[in-house]
């Protein structure tokens, strides 16, 4: 069974390996860059809101749910997950976009 686009995807020559995704397949690269761009912006902003909300709640000292979260362990977990996801959306996604566009 032969896969579609095998002649464009194969990296046998150095000329093909040096080309970007946009240079090889612009039909695939444009939606890829668009989706990653929207995900980077929305993910960064959304995670920034979560980290801000958790930080404000911690700084104000509200402890309504200390029995269920284990003295803020749940809030710390949410903040850590949001921070790690924000690093991915703010750093890794733009690097993936650059890798798809730059030769």
Protein backbone atom coordinates (compact mmCIF):
# COMPACT_ATOMS: atom_id res chain seq x y z
CA UNK A 1 0.00 0.00 0.00
CA UNK A 2 1.38 3.39 -0.95
CA UNK A 3 0.67 6.50 1.07
CA UNK A 4 -0.40 9.76 -0.57
CA UNK A 5 2.19 12.52 -1.01
CA UNK A 6 5.08 10.11 -0.50
CA UNK A 7 7.19 11.83 -3.13
CA UNK A 8 6.87 15.19 -1.32
CA UNK A 9 7.30 13.79 2.19
CA UNK A 10 10.41 11.68 1.63
CA UNK A 11 13.57 13.31 2.92
CA UNK A 12 16.15 11.48 0.78
CA UNK A 13 17.85 14.55 -0.68
CA UNK A 14 19.28 17.47 1.24
CA UNK A 15 17.31 19.88 -0.96
CA UNK A 16 13.96 18.45 0.18
CA UNK A 17 15.06 18.24 3.81
CA UNK A 18 16.00 21.93 3.91
CA UNK A 19 12.63 23.16 2.66
CA UNK A 20 10.01 24.32 5.10
CA UNK A 21 6.49 22.93 5.27
CA UNK A 22 5.26 26.07 3.53
CA UNK A 23 7.75 25.52 0.69
CA UNK A 24 6.75 21.87 0.23
CA UNK A 25 2.99 21.93 0.85
CA UNK A 26 1.47 25.41 1.28
CA UNK A 27 -2.04 23.95 1.24
CA UNK A 28 -1.28 22.13 4.48
CA UNK A 29 0.97 24.83 5.98
CA UNK A 30 -1.56 27.69 5.89
CA UNK A 31 -4.26 25.97 8.02
CA UNK A 32 -1.54 24.53 10.28
CA UNK A 33 -0.11 27.98 10.98
CA UNK A 34 -3.59 29.44 11.43
CA UNK A 35 -4.70 26.83 13.94
CA UNK A 36 -1.44 27.02 15.89
CA UNK A 37 -1.61 30.82 15.92
CA UNK A 38 -5.14 30.86 17.31
CA UNK A 39 -4.24 28.15 19.84
CA UNK A 40 -1.17 30.11 20.96
CA UNK A 41 -3.10 33.33 21.55
CA UNK A 42 -6.20 31.78 23.13
CA UNK A 43 -4.20 29.32 25.24
CA UNK A 44 -1.85 31.97 26.56
CA UNK A 45 -4.65 34.37 27.44
CA UNK A 46 -6.83 31.66 29.00
CA UNK A 47 -4.04 30.27 31.14
CA UNK A 48 -3.02 33.76 32.18
CA UNK A 49 -6.59 34.32 33.44
CA UNK A 50 -6.48 31.06 35.42
CA UNK A 51 -3.11 31.85 37.01
CA UNK A 52 -4.28 35.37 37.86
CA UNK A 53 -7.51 34.12 39.42
CA UNK A 54 -5.72 31.52 41.54
CA UNK A 55 -3.11 34.08 42.61
CA UNK A 56 -5.68 36.71 43.56
CA UNK A 57 -7.67 34.17 45.56
CA UNK A 58 -4.51 33.08 47.37
CA UNK A 59 -3.36 36.64 48.09
CA UNK A 60 -6.73 37.67 49.47
CA UNK A 61 -6.66 34.73 51.87
CA UNK A 62 -10.10 33.33 51.05
CA UNK A 63 -10.31 29.78 52.28
CA UNK A 64 -13.85 28.68 51.58
CA UNK A 65 -12.99 25.19 50.37
CA UNK A 66 -9.99 24.25 52.49
CA UNK A 67 -11.58 20.98 53.58
CA UNK A 68 -11.98 19.69 50.03
CA UNK A 69 -8.76 21.02 48.51
CA UNK A 70 -6.36 20.08 51.28
CA UNK A 71 -5.19 23.55 52.32
CA UNK A 72 -4.82 24.84 48.78
CA UNK A 73 -3.31 21.74 47.19
CA UNK A 74 -5.99 21.75 44.51
CA UNK A 75 -5.38 25.40 43.72
CA UNK A 76 -1.64 24.75 43.51
CA UNK A 77 -2.24 21.88 41.09
CA UNK A 78 -4.46 24.04 38.86
CA UNK A 79 -1.90 26.86 38.94
CA UNK A 80 0.96 24.50 38.03
CA UNK A 81 -1.01 22.96 35.17
CA UNK A 82 -1.94 26.40 33.87
CA UNK A 83 1.67 27.59 34.07
CA UNK A 84 3.01 24.56 32.20
CA UNK A 85 0.30 24.87 29.55
CA UNK A 86 1.04 28.59 29.23
CA UNK A 87 4.72 27.79 28.56
CA UNK A 88 3.66 25.45 25.75
CA UNK A 89 1.25 27.93 24.20
CA UNK A 90 3.51 30.97 24.60
CA UNK A 91 6.85 29.40 23.63
CA UNK A 92 6.50 26.08 21.85
CA UNK A 93 3.59 26.94 19.52
CA UNK A 94 5.31 30.05 18.09
CA UNK A 95 8.48 28.01 17.58
CA UNK A 96 6.45 25.37 15.71
CA UNK A 97 4.97 28.13 13.52
CA UNK A 98 8.45 29.49 12.80
CA UNK A 99 9.68 26.00 11.96
CA UNK A 100 6.88 25.52 9.46
CA UNK A 101 7.56 28.83 7.72
CA UNK A 102 11.35 29.25 7.79
CA UNK A 103 13.60 27.39 5.37
